């Protein structure tokens, strides 16, 4: 089995954009750490359950908010980057409109993909 980078279909942009997660019982504020066309790495103060699906709004600077549905595919207490944020999670994009996918593409144009 290859490394995570080898398995990824798309590059990721290292970005720190505010994200508002609307789960079944609460709203959680967080921040993206990186984003691609099919997934997002998010840090937040409250965990979501593995495989939980939810709506979220991502707010890139100087652009319209991006609305989408995601599903938690992994989570890690204290995050992968060992910063102050207690929880990190990998989110697979489940549903995104063509308009909002275009917003991600536009946001990528100003960020360096890794």
PDB file of N, CA and C in Angstrom:
ATOM      1  N   UNK A   1       0.847  -1.178   0.000  1.00  0.00           N
ATOM      2  CA  UNK A   1       0.000   0.000   0.000  1.00  0.00           C
ATOM      3  C   UNK A   1       0.888   1.234   0.000  1.00  0.00           C
ATOM      4  N   UNK A   2       0.587   2.232  -0.836  1.00  0.00           N
ATOM      5  CA  UNK A   2       1.401   3.435  -0.956  1.00  0.00           C
ATOM      6  C   UNK A   2       1.149   4.417   0.169  1.00  0.00           C
ATOM      7  N   UNK A   3       1.906   5.483   0.151  1.00  0.00           N
ATOM      8  CA  UNK A   3       1.723   6.527   1.149  1.00  0.00           C
ATOM      9  C   UNK A   3       0.448   7.295   0.849  1.00  0.00           C
ATOM     10  N   UNK A   4       0.004   8.096   1.823  1.00  0.00           N
ATOM     11  CA  UNK A   4      -1.184   8.904   1.628  1.00  0.00           C
ATOM     12  C   UNK A   4      -1.020   9.798   0.412  1.00  0.00           C
ATOM     13  N   UNK A   5       0.129  10.414   0.268  1.00  0.00           N
ATOM     14  CA  UNK A   5       0.362  11.309  -0.871  1.00  0.00           C
ATOM     15  C   UNK A   5       0.232  10.549  -2.192  1.00  0.00           C
ATOM     16  N   UNK A   6       0.732   9.297  -2.241  1.00  0.00           N
ATOM     17  CA  UNK A   6       0.643   8.511  -3.464  1.00  0.00           C
ATOM     18  C   UNK A   6      -0.791   8.123  -3.781  1.00  0.00           C
ATOM     19  N   UNK A   7      -1.626   7.910  -2.766  1.00  0.00           N
ATOM     20  CA  UNK A   7      -3.010   7.493  -2.976  1.00  0.00           C
ATOM     21  C   UNK A   7      -3.908   8.650  -3.373  1.00  0.00           C
ATOM     22  N   UNK A   8      -3.542   9.868  -3.066  1.00  0.00           N
ATOM     23  CA  UNK A   8      -4.390  11.012  -3.378  1.00  0.00           C
ATOM     24  C   UNK A   8      -4.475  11.237  -4.873  1.00  0.00           C
ATOM     25  N   UNK A   9      -5.697  11.540  -5.308  1.00  0.00           N
ATOM     26  CA  UNK A   9      -5.923  11.806  -6.726  1.00  0.00           C
ATOM     27  C   UNK A   9      -5.607  13.256  -7.071  1.00  0.00           C
ATOM     28  N   UNK A  10      -5.784  14.151  -6.119  1.00  0.00           N
ATOM     29  CA  UNK A  10      -5.628  15.577  -6.372  1.00  0.00           C
ATOM     30  C   UNK A  10      -4.633  16.183  -5.394  1.00  0.00           C
ATOM     31  N   UNK A  11      -3.971  17.256  -5.816  1.00  0.00           N
ATOM     32  CA  UNK A  11      -3.105  18.001  -4.925  1.00  0.00           C
ATOM     33  C   UNK A  11      -3.915  18.676  -3.837  1.00  0.00           C
ATOM     34  N   UNK A  12      -3.245  19.081  -2.791  1.00  0.00           N
ATOM     35  CA  UNK A  12      -3.901  19.786  -1.692  1.00  0.00           C
ATOM     36  C   UNK A  12      -3.279  21.156  -1.528  1.00  0.00           C
ATOM     37  N   UNK A  13      -4.111  22.128  -1.234  1.00  0.00           N
ATOM     38  CA  UNK A  13      -3.636  23.470  -0.934  1.00  0.00           C
ATOM     39  C   UNK A  13      -3.597  23.625   0.587  1.00  0.00           C
ATOM     40  N   UNK A  14      -2.463  24.093   1.109  1.00  0.00           N
ATOM     41  CA  UNK A  14      -2.329  24.369   2.536  1.00  0.00           C
ATOM     42  C   UNK A  14      -3.021  25.702   2.807  1.00  0.00           C
ATOM     43  N   UNK A  15      -4.210  25.639   3.405  1.00  0.00           N
ATOM     44  CA  UNK A  15      -4.989  26.850   3.674  1.00  0.00           C
ATOM     45  C   UNK A  15      -5.573  26.786   5.078  1.00  0.00           C
ATOM     46  N   UNK A  16      -5.719  27.930   5.667  1.00  0.00           N
ATOM     47  CA  UNK A  16      -6.355  28.052   6.982  1.00  0.00           C
ATOM     48  C   UNK A  16      -7.550  28.976   6.832  1.00  0.00           C
ATOM     49  N   UNK A  17      -8.678  28.345   6.506  1.00  0.00           N
ATOM     50  CA  UNK A  17      -9.922  29.074   6.296  1.00  0.00           C
ATOM     51  C   UNK A  17     -10.923  28.685   7.387  1.00  0.00           C
ATOM     52  N   UNK A  18     -11.698  29.647   7.876  1.00  0.00           N
ATOM     53  CA  UNK A  18     -12.746  29.319   8.856  1.00  0.00           C
ATOM     54  C   UNK A  18     -13.774  28.370   8.241  1.00  0.00           C
ATOM     55  N   UNK A  19     -14.251  27.453   9.072  1.00  0.00           N
ATOM     56  CA  UNK A  19     -15.293  26.523   8.638  1.00  0.00           C
ATOM     57  C   UNK A  19     -16.335  26.412   9.746  1.00  0.00           C
ATOM     58  N   UNK A  20     -17.597  26.399   9.355  1.00  0.00           N
ATOM     59  CA  UNK A  20     -18.715  26.219  10.295  1.00  0.00           C
ATOM     60  C   UNK A  20     -19.368  24.891   9.936  1.00  0.00           C
ATOM     61  N   UNK A  21     -19.368  23.968  10.895  1.00  0.00           N
ATOM     62  CA  UNK A  21     -19.908  22.631  10.706  1.00  0.00           C
ATOM     63  C   UNK A  21     -21.291  22.575  11.346  1.00  0.00           C
ATOM     64  N   UNK A  22     -22.262  22.146  10.573  1.00  0.00           N
ATOM     65  CA  UNK A  22     -23.638  22.033  11.064  1.00  0.00           C
ATOM     66  C   UNK A  22     -23.952  20.549  11.220  1.00  0.00           C
ATOM     67  N   UNK A  23     -23.707  20.021  12.418  1.00  0.00           N
ATOM     68  CA  UNK A  23     -23.996  18.607  12.658  1.00  0.00           C
ATOM     69  C   UNK A  23     -25.442  18.482  13.129  1.00  0.00           C
ATOM     70  N   UNK A  24     -25.840  17.269  13.405  1.00  0.00           N
ATOM     71  CA  UNK A  24     -27.229  16.989  13.759  1.00  0.00           C
ATOM     72  C   UNK A  24     -27.696  17.761  14.993  1.00  0.00           C
ATOM     73  N   UNK A  25     -26.815  17.929  15.984  1.00  0.00           N
ATOM     74  CA  UNK A  25     -27.237  18.522  17.257  1.00  0.00           C
ATOM     75  C   UNK A  25     -26.570  19.838  17.621  1.00  0.00           C
ATOM     76  N   UNK A  26     -25.600  20.282  16.813  1.00  0.00           N
ATOM     77  CA  UNK A  26     -24.875  21.490  17.206  1.00  0.00           C
ATOM     78  C   UNK A  26     -24.146  22.094  16.009  1.00  0.00           C
ATOM     79  N   UNK A  27     -23.651  23.306  16.226  1.00  0.00           N
ATOM     80  CA  UNK A  27     -22.793  23.975  15.249  1.00  0.00           C
ATOM     81  C   UNK A  27     -21.392  24.033  15.843  1.00  0.00           C
ATOM     82  N   UNK A  28     -20.402  23.668  15.048  1.00  0.00           N
ATOM     83  CA  UNK A  28     -19.014  23.625  15.508  1.00  0.00           C
ATOM     84  C   UNK A  28     -18.196  24.559  14.626  1.00  0.00           C
ATOM     85  N   UNK A  29     -17.398  25.395  15.251  1.00  0.00           N
ATOM     86  CA  UNK A  29     -16.486  26.270  14.526  1.00  0.00           C
ATOM     87  C   UNK A  29     -15.136  25.577  14.407  1.00  0.00           C
ATOM     88  N   UNK A  30     -14.492  25.721  13.266  1.00  0.00           N
ATOM     89  CA  UNK A  30     -13.184  25.109  13.074  1.00  0.00           C
ATOM     90  C   UNK A  30     -12.392  25.845  12.017  1.00  0.00           C
ATOM     91  N   UNK A  31     -11.342  25.195  11.552  1.00  0.00           N
ATOM     92  CA  UNK A  31     -10.463  25.795  10.556  1.00  0.00           C
ATOM     93  C   UNK A  31      -9.920  24.696   9.650  1.00  0.00           C
ATOM     94  N   UNK A  32      -9.899  24.960   8.342  1.00  0.00           N
ATOM     95  CA  UNK A  32      -9.264  24.022   7.425  1.00  0.00           C
ATOM     96  C   UNK A  32      -7.762  24.152   7.598  1.00  0.00           C
ATOM     97  N   UNK A  33      -7.045  23.071   7.344  1.00  0.00           N
ATOM     98  CA  UNK A  33      -5.588  23.116   7.313  1.00  0.00           C
ATOM     99  C   UNK A  33      -5.095  22.837   5.903  1.00  0.00           C
ATOM    100  N   UNK A  34      -5.852  21.988   5.184  1.00  0.00           N
ATOM    101  CA  UNK A  34      -5.594  21.825   3.764  1.00  0.00           C
ATOM    102  C   UNK A  34      -6.869  21.335   3.101  1.00  0.00           C
ATOM    103  N   UNK A  35      -6.929  21.517   1.793  1.00  0.00           N
ATOM    104  CA  UNK A  35      -8.144  21.201   1.060  1.00  0.00           C
ATOM    105  C   UNK A  35      -7.772  20.734  -0.337  1.00  0.00           C
ATOM    106  N   UNK A  36      -8.553  19.797  -0.849  1.00  0.00           N
ATOM    107  CA  UNK A  36      -8.396  19.347  -2.229  1.00  0.00           C
ATOM    108  C   UNK A  36      -9.792  19.301  -2.846  1.00  0.00           C
ATOM    109  N   UNK A  37      -9.879  18.802  -4.054  1.00  0.00           N
ATOM    110  CA  UNK A  37     -11.178  18.719  -4.710  1.00  0.00           C
ATOM    111  C   UNK A  37     -12.034  17.583  -4.168  1.00  0.00           C
ATOM    112  N   UNK A  38     -11.453  16.685  -3.363  1.00  0.00           N
ATOM    113  CA  UNK A  38     -12.263  15.592  -2.832  1.00  0.00           C
ATOM    114  C   UNK A  38     -12.153  15.414  -1.321  1.00  0.00           C
ATOM    115  N   UNK A  39     -11.387  16.266  -0.626  1.00  0.00           N
ATOM    116  CA  UNK A  39     -11.280  16.123   0.811  1.00  0.00           C
ATOM    117  C   UNK A  39     -10.712  17.347   1.500  1.00  0.00           C
ATOM    118  N   UNK A  40     -10.918  17.390   2.814  1.00  0.00           N
ATOM    119  CA  UNK A  40     -10.497  18.528   3.629  1.00  0.00           C
ATOM    120  C   UNK A  40      -9.949  18.010   4.954  1.00  0.00           C
ATOM    121  N   UNK A  41      -8.873  18.624   5.421  1.00  0.00           N
ATOM    122  CA  UNK A  41      -8.334  18.376   6.756  1.00  0.00           C
ATOM    123  C   UNK A  41      -8.810  19.545   7.606  1.00  0.00           C
ATOM    124  N   UNK A  42      -9.588  19.245   8.660  1.00  0.00           N
ATOM    125  CA  UNK A  42     -10.195  20.273   9.508  1.00  0.00           C
ATOM    126  C   UNK A  42      -9.752  20.085  10.949  1.00  0.00           C
ATOM    127  N   UNK A  43      -9.443  21.189  11.627  1.00  0.00           N
ATOM    128  CA  UNK A  43      -9.180  21.198  13.066  1.00  0.00           C
ATOM    129  C   UNK A  43     -10.322  21.938  13.749  1.00  0.00           C
ATOM    130  N   UNK A  44     -10.768  21.410  14.889  1.00  0.00           N
ATOM    131  CA  UNK A  44     -11.885  22.025  15.611  1.00  0.00           C
ATOM    132  C   UNK A  44     -11.796  21.652  17.089  1.00  0.00           C
ATOM    133  N   UNK A  45     -12.670  22.255  17.899  1.00  0.00           N
ATOM    134  CA  UNK A  45     -12.655  22.022  19.338  1.00  0.00           C
ATOM    135  C   UNK A  45     -13.531  20.853  19.778  1.00  0.00           C
ATOM    136  N   UNK A  46     -14.412  20.370  18.894  1.00  0.00           N
ATOM    137  CA  UNK A  46     -15.305  19.266  19.232  1.00  0.00           C
ATOM    138  C   UNK A  46     -15.229  18.198  18.151  1.00  0.00           C
ATOM    139  N   UNK A  47     -15.233  16.937  18.549  1.00  0.00           N
ATOM    140  CA  UNK A  47     -15.146  15.872  17.547  1.00  0.00           C
ATOM    141  C   UNK A  47     -16.494  15.536  16.939  1.00  0.00           C
ATOM    142  N   UNK A  48     -16.451  14.985  15.743  1.00  0.00           N
ATOM    143  CA  UNK A  48     -17.617  14.363  15.130  1.00  0.00           C
ATOM    144  C   UNK A  48     -17.339  12.869  15.054  1.00  0.00           C
ATOM    145  N   UNK A  49     -18.389  12.083  14.967  1.00  0.00           N
ATOM    146  CA  UNK A  49     -18.232  10.626  14.905  1.00  0.00           C
ATOM    147  C   UNK A  49     -17.697  10.195  13.547  1.00  0.00           C
ATOM    148  N   UNK A  50     -16.934   9.132  13.545  1.00  0.00           N
ATOM    149  CA  UNK A  50     -16.456   8.531  12.316  1.00  0.00           C
ATOM    150  C   UNK A  50     -17.650   8.167  11.439  1.00  0.00           C
ATOM    151  N   UNK A  51     -17.582   8.470  10.172  1.00  0.00           N
ATOM    152  CA  UNK A  51     -18.629   8.241   9.172  1.00  0.00           C
ATOM    153  C   UNK A  51     -19.831   9.172   9.305  1.00  0.00           C
ATOM    154  N   UNK A  52     -19.797  10.129  10.237  1.00  0.00           N
ATOM    155  CA  UNK A  52     -20.894  11.081  10.363  1.00  0.00           C
ATOM    156  C   UNK A  52     -20.874  12.020   9.157  1.00  0.00           C
ATOM    157  N   UNK A  53     -22.044  12.230   8.554  1.00  0.00           N
ATOM    158  CA  UNK A  53     -22.184  13.183   7.452  1.00  0.00           C
ATOM    159  C   UNK A  53     -22.755  14.479   7.999  1.00  0.00           C
ATOM    160  N   UNK A  54     -22.365  15.598   7.409  1.00  0.00           N
ATOM    161  CA  UNK A  54     -22.791  16.897   7.910  1.00  0.00           C
ATOM    162  C   UNK A  54     -22.654  17.944   6.810  1.00  0.00           C
ATOM    163  N   UNK A  55     -23.353  19.048   6.984  1.00  0.00           N
ATOM    164  CA  UNK A  55     -23.215  20.206   6.107  1.00  0.00           C
ATOM    165  C   UNK A  55     -22.178  21.128   6.720  1.00  0.00           C
ATOM    166  N   UNK A  56     -21.475  21.868   5.868  1.00  0.00           N
ATOM    167  CA  UNK A  56     -20.515  22.844   6.363  1.00  0.00           C
ATOM    168  C   UNK A  56     -20.421  24.010   5.404  1.00  0.00           C
ATOM    169  N   UNK A  57     -19.932  25.109   5.918  1.00  0.00           N
ATOM    170  CA  UNK A  57     -19.661  26.299   5.112  1.00  0.00           C
ATOM    171  C   UNK A  57     -18.219  26.707   5.370  1.00  0.00           C
ATOM    172  N   UNK A  58     -17.447  26.803   4.301  1.00  0.00           N
ATOM    173  CA  UNK A  58     -16.047  27.206   4.372  1.00  0.00           C
ATOM    174  C   UNK A  58     -15.962  28.639   3.872  1.00  0.00           C
ATOM    175  N   UNK A  59     -15.181  29.468   4.538  1.00  0.00           N
ATOM    176  CA  UNK A  59     -15.101  30.890   4.200  1.00  0.00           C
ATOM    177  C   UNK A  59     -13.694  31.289   3.772  1.00  0.00           C
ATOM    178  N   UNK A  60     -13.353  31.094   2.474  1.00  0.00           N
ATOM    179  CA  UNK A  60     -12.053  31.581   1.995  1.00  0.00           C
ATOM    180  C   UNK A  60     -12.022  33.107   2.040  1.00  0.00           C
ATOM    181  N   UNK A  61     -10.859  33.700   2.226  1.00  0.00           N
ATOM    182  CA  UNK A  61     -10.791  35.166   2.257  1.00  0.00           C
ATOM    183  C   UNK A  61     -11.170  35.763   0.904  1.00  0.00           C
ATOM    184  N   UNK A  62     -11.909  36.840   0.952  1.00  0.00           N
ATOM    185  CA  UNK A  62     -12.279  37.614  -0.239  1.00  0.00           C
ATOM    186  C   UNK A  62     -13.046  36.811  -1.279  1.00  0.00           C
ATOM    187  N   UNK A  63     -13.781  35.795  -0.849  1.00  0.00           N
ATOM    188  CA  UNK A  63     -14.584  34.973  -1.759  1.00  0.00           C
ATOM    189  C   UNK A  63     -15.898  34.617  -1.068  1.00  0.00           C
ATOM    190  N   UNK A  64     -16.864  34.152  -1.852  1.00  0.00           N
ATOM    191  CA  UNK A  64     -18.126  33.679  -1.292  1.00  0.00           C
ATOM    192  C   UNK A  64     -17.894  32.420  -0.477  1.00  0.00           C
ATOM    193  N   UNK A  65     -18.740  32.195   0.531  1.00  0.00           N
ATOM    194  CA  UNK A  65     -18.658  30.961   1.308  1.00  0.00           C
ATOM    195  C   UNK A  65     -18.932  29.767   0.401  1.00  0.00           C
ATOM    196  N   UNK A  66     -18.300  28.650   0.722  1.00  0.00           N
ATOM    197  CA  UNK A  66     -18.459  27.414  -0.027  1.00  0.00           C
ATOM    198  C   UNK A  66     -19.287  26.463   0.827  1.00  0.00           C
ATOM    199  N   UNK A  67     -20.439  26.046   0.338  1.00  0.00           N
ATOM    200  CA  UNK A  67     -21.307  25.117   1.063  1.00  0.00           C
ATOM    201  C   UNK A  67     -21.158  23.717   0.505  1.00  0.00           C
ATOM    202  N   UNK A  68     -21.075  22.732   1.401  1.00  0.00           N
ATOM    203  CA  UNK A  68     -20.956  21.354   0.937  1.00  0.00           C
ATOM    204  C   UNK A  68     -21.352  20.382   2.027  1.00  0.00           C
ATOM    205  N   UNK A  69     -21.491  19.128   1.637  1.00  0.00           N
ATOM    206  CA  UNK A  69     -21.739  18.040   2.576  1.00  0.00           C
ATOM    207  C   UNK A  69     -20.485  17.180   2.624  1.00  0.00           C
ATOM    208  N   UNK A  70     -20.065  16.850   3.836  1.00  0.00           N
ATOM    209  CA  UNK A  70     -18.880  16.019   4.019  1.00  0.00           C
ATOM    210  C   UNK A  70     -19.169  14.836   4.917  1.00  0.00           C
ATOM    211  N   UNK A  71     -18.228  13.894   4.954  1.00  0.00           N
ATOM    212  CA  UNK A  71     -18.323  12.719   5.818  1.00  0.00           C
ATOM    213  C   UNK A  71     -16.968  12.507   6.469  1.00  0.00           C
ATOM    214  N   UNK A  72     -16.965  12.306   7.780  1.00  0.00           N
ATOM    215  CA  UNK A  72     -15.729  12.086   8.525  1.00  0.00           C
ATOM    216  C   UNK A  72     -15.154  10.714   8.146  1.00  0.00           C
ATOM    217  N   UNK A  73     -13.918  10.707   7.631  1.00  0.00           N
ATOM    218  CA  UNK A  73     -13.292   9.435   7.265  1.00  0.00           C
ATOM    219  C   UNK A  73     -12.172   9.047   8.235  1.00  0.00           C
ATOM    220  N   UNK A  74     -11.663   9.998   8.997  1.00  0.00           N
ATOM    221  CA  UNK A  74     -10.731   9.715  10.090  1.00  0.00           C
ATOM    222  C   UNK A  74     -10.785  10.874  11.067  1.00  0.00           C
ATOM    223  N   UNK A  75     -10.421  10.610  12.309  1.00  0.00           N
ATOM    224  CA  UNK A  75     -10.315  11.679  13.305  1.00  0.00           C
ATOM    225  C   UNK A  75      -9.186  11.341  14.249  1.00  0.00           C
ATOM    226  N   UNK A  76      -8.625  12.384  14.857  1.00  0.00           N
ATOM    227  CA  UNK A  76      -7.454  12.223  15.701  1.00  0.00           C
ATOM    228  C   UNK A  76      -7.500  13.267  16.803  1.00  0.00           C
ATOM    229  N   UNK A  77      -7.450  12.817  18.037  1.00  0.00           N
ATOM    230  CA  UNK A  77      -7.391  13.753  19.154  1.00  0.00           C
ATOM    231  C   UNK A  77      -6.045  14.454  19.136  1.00  0.00           C
ATOM    232  N   UNK A  78      -6.046  15.741  19.320  1.00  0.00           N
ATOM    233  CA  UNK A  78      -4.878  16.616  19.305  1.00  0.00           C
ATOM    234  C   UNK A  78      -4.308  16.858  17.921  1.00  0.00           C
ATOM    235  N   UNK A  79      -4.956  16.412  16.880  1.00  0.00           N
ATOM    236  CA  UNK A  79      -4.555  16.749  15.521  1.00  0.00           C
ATOM    237  C   UNK A  79      -3.211  16.166  15.124  1.00  0.00           C
ATOM    238  N   UNK A  80      -2.933  16.272  13.876  1.00  0.00           N
ATOM    239  CA  UNK A  80      -1.688  15.745  13.336  1.00  0.00           C
ATOM    240  C   UNK A  80      -0.532  16.721  13.464  1.00  0.00           C
ATOM    241  N   UNK A  81      -0.846  18.004  13.636  1.00  0.00           N
ATOM    242  CA  UNK A  81       0.228  18.993  13.685  1.00  0.00           C
ATOM    243  C   UNK A  81       0.568  19.416  15.109  1.00  0.00           C
ATOM    244  N   UNK A  82      -0.020  18.772  16.101  1.00  0.00           N
ATOM    245  CA  UNK A  82       0.301  18.977  17.516  1.00  0.00           C
ATOM    246  C   UNK A  82       0.184  20.438  17.951  1.00  0.00           C
ATOM    247  N   UNK A  83      -0.775  21.148  17.379  1.00  0.00           N
ATOM    248  CA  UNK A  83      -1.021  22.518  17.822  1.00  0.00           C
ATOM    249  C   UNK A  83      -2.040  22.489  18.949  1.00  0.00           C
ATOM    250  N   UNK A  84      -2.512  23.634  19.336  1.00  0.00           N
ATOM    251  CA  UNK A  84      -3.441  23.763  20.452  1.00  0.00           C
ATOM    252  C   UNK A  84      -4.811  23.148  20.180  1.00  0.00           C
ATOM    253  N   UNK A  85      -5.200  23.007  18.925  1.00  0.00           N
ATOM    254  CA  UNK A  85      -6.523  22.512  18.588  1.00  0.00           C
ATOM    255  C   UNK A  85      -6.650  21.046  19.001  1.00  0.00           C
ATOM    256  N   UNK A  86      -7.668  20.718  19.799  1.00  0.00           N
ATOM    257  CA  UNK A  86      -7.741  19.372  20.343  1.00  0.00           C
ATOM    258  C   UNK A  86      -8.138  18.270  19.354  1.00  0.00           C
ATOM    259  N   UNK A  87      -8.877  18.580  18.297  1.00  0.00           N
ATOM    260  CA  UNK A  87      -9.339  17.527  17.396  1.00  0.00           C
ATOM    261  C   UNK A  87      -9.051  17.877  15.948  1.00  0.00           C
ATOM    262  N   UNK A  88      -8.712  16.857  15.179  1.00  0.00           N
ATOM    263  CA  UNK A  88      -8.525  17.005  13.743  1.00  0.00           C
ATOM    264  C   UNK A  88      -9.315  15.900  13.072  1.00  0.00           C
ATOM    265  N   UNK A  89      -9.761  16.160  11.852  1.00  0.00           N
ATOM    266  CA  UNK A  89     -10.478  15.126  11.128  1.00  0.00           C
ATOM    267  C   UNK A  89     -10.282  15.281   9.633  1.00  0.00           C
ATOM    268  N   UNK A  90     -10.291  14.157   8.965  1.00  0.00           N
ATOM    269  CA  UNK A  90     -10.263  14.118   7.519  1.00  0.00           C
ATOM    270  C   UNK A  90     -11.692  13.973   7.037  1.00  0.00           C
ATOM    271  N   UNK A  91     -12.070  14.797   6.098  1.00  0.00           N
ATOM    272  CA  UNK A  91     -13.445  14.828   5.614  1.00  0.00           C
ATOM    273  C   UNK A  91     -13.454  14.569   4.120  1.00  0.00           C
ATOM    274  N   UNK A  92     -14.244  13.606   3.712  1.00  0.00           N
ATOM    275  CA  UNK A  92     -14.452  13.321   2.300  1.00  0.00           C
ATOM    276  C   UNK A  92     -15.642  14.149   1.822  1.00  0.00           C
ATOM    277  N   UNK A  93     -15.509  14.780   0.666  1.00  0.00           N
ATOM    278  CA  UNK A  93     -16.617  15.563   0.135  1.00  0.00           C
ATOM    279  C   UNK A  93     -17.659  14.621  -0.452  1.00  0.00           C
ATOM    280  N   UNK A  94     -18.885  14.745   0.044  1.00  0.00           N
ATOM    281  CA  UNK A  94     -19.973  13.874  -0.377  1.00  0.00           C
ATOM    282  C   UNK A  94     -20.829  14.560  -1.429  1.00  0.00           C
ATOM    283  N   UNK A  95     -21.124  15.837  -1.188  1.00  0.00           N
ATOM    284  CA  UNK A  95     -22.003  16.565  -2.097  1.00  0.00           C
ATOM    285  C   UNK A  95     -21.564  18.016  -2.149  1.00  0.00           C
ATOM    286  N   UNK A  96     -21.383  18.503  -3.366  1.00  0.00           N
ATOM    287  CA  UNK A  96     -21.012  19.898  -3.567  1.00  0.00           C
ATOM    288  C   UNK A  96     -21.585  20.340  -4.909  1.00  0.00           C
ATOM    289  N   UNK A  97     -22.175  21.514  -4.920  1.00  0.00           N
ATOM    290  CA  UNK A  97     -22.764  22.017  -6.160  1.00  0.00           C
ATOM    291  C   UNK A  97     -21.666  22.404  -7.148  1.00  0.00           C
ATOM    292  N   UNK A  98     -22.025  22.487  -8.412  1.00  0.00           N
ATOM    293  CA  UNK A  98     -21.063  22.918  -9.434  1.00  0.00           C
ATOM    294  C   UNK A  98     -20.554  24.317  -9.120  1.00  0.00           C
ATOM    295  N   UNK A  99     -21.442  25.173  -8.654  1.00  0.00           N
ATOM    296  CA  UNK A  99     -21.070  26.550  -8.305  1.00  0.00           C
ATOM    297  C   UNK A  99     -20.030  26.556  -7.181  1.00  0.00           C
ATOM    298  N   UNK A 100     -20.271  25.759  -6.124  1.00  0.00           N
ATOM    299  CA  UNK A 100     -19.336  25.732  -5.001  1.00  0.00           C
ATOM    300  C   UNK A 100     -18.035  25.022  -5.363  1.00  0.00           C
ATOM    301  N   UNK A 101     -18.092  24.010  -6.235  1.00  0.00           N
ATOM    302  CA  UNK A 101     -16.849  23.379  -6.712  1.00  0.00           C
ATOM    303  C   UNK A 101     -16.007  24.418  -7.466  1.00  0.00           C
ATOM    304  N   UNK A 102     -16.679  25.286  -8.228  1.00  0.00           N
ATOM    305  CA  UNK A 102     -15.988  26.362  -8.941  1.00  0.00           C
ATOM    306  C   UNK A 102     -15.333  27.318  -7.939  1.00  0.00           C
ATOM    307  N   UNK A 103     -16.008  27.584  -6.817  1.00  0.00           N
ATOM    308  CA  UNK A 103     -15.417  28.433  -5.769  1.00  0.00           C
ATOM    309  C   UNK A 103     -14.122  27.810  -5.244  1.00  0.00           C
ATOM    310  N   UNK A 104     -14.103  26.476  -5.060  1.00  0.00           N
ATOM    311  CA  UNK A 104     -12.882  25.806  -4.607  1.00  0.00           C
ATOM    312  C   UNK A 104     -11.795  25.949  -5.666  1.00  0.00           C
ATOM    313  N   UNK A 105     -12.153  25.744  -6.921  1.00  0.00           N
ATOM    314  CA  UNK A 105     -11.177  25.897  -8.009  1.00  0.00           C
ATOM    315  C   UNK A 105     -10.611  27.313  -8.029  1.00  0.00           C
ATOM    316  N   UNK A 106     -11.480  28.308  -7.874  1.00  0.00           N
ATOM    317  CA  UNK A 106     -11.033  29.705  -7.853  1.00  0.00           C
ATOM    318  C   UNK A 106     -10.119  29.969  -6.662  1.00  0.00           C
ATOM    319  N   UNK A 107     -10.471  29.394  -5.509  1.00  0.00           N
ATOM    320  CA  UNK A 107      -9.650  29.576  -4.314  1.00  0.00           C
ATOM    321  C   UNK A 107      -8.287  28.924  -4.503  1.00  0.00           C
ATOM    322  N   UNK A 108      -8.258  27.772  -5.174  1.00  0.00           N
ATOM    323  CA  UNK A 108      -6.995  27.086  -5.461  1.00  0.00           C
ATOM    324  C   UNK A 108      -6.080  27.949  -6.307  1.00  0.00           C
ATOM    325  N   UNK A 109      -6.659  28.752  -7.184  1.00  0.00           N
ATOM    326  CA  UNK A 109      -5.822  29.551  -8.083  1.00  0.00           C
ATOM    327  C   UNK A 109      -4.924  30.525  -7.320  1.00  0.00           C
ATOM    328  N   UNK A 110      -5.313  30.868  -6.103  1.00  0.00           N
ATOM    329  CA  UNK A 110      -4.504  31.781  -5.304  1.00  0.00           C
ATOM    330  C   UNK A 110      -3.664  31.100  -4.242  1.00  0.00           C
ATOM    331  N   UNK A 111      -3.702  29.760  -4.177  1.00  0.00           N
ATOM    332  CA  UNK A 111      -2.986  29.006  -3.141  1.00  0.00           C
ATOM    333  C   UNK A 111      -2.030  28.019  -3.791  1.00  0.00           C
ATOM    334  N   UNK A 112      -1.002  27.650  -3.095  1.00  0.00           N
ATOM    335  CA  UNK A 112      -0.033  26.672  -3.611  1.00  0.00           C
ATOM    336  C   UNK A 112      -0.506  25.264  -3.247  1.00  0.00           C
ATOM    337  N   UNK A 113      -0.692  24.429  -4.251  1.00  0.00           N
ATOM    338  CA  UNK A 113      -1.086  23.036  -4.010  1.00  0.00           C
ATOM    339  C   UNK A 113       0.168  22.211  -3.701  1.00  0.00           C
ATOM    340  N   UNK A 114      -0.008  21.252  -2.769  1.00  0.00           N
ATOM    341  CA  UNK A 114       1.111  20.382  -2.395  1.00  0.00           C
ATOM    342  C   UNK A 114       0.786  18.938  -2.738  1.00  0.00           C
TER     343      UNK A 114
END
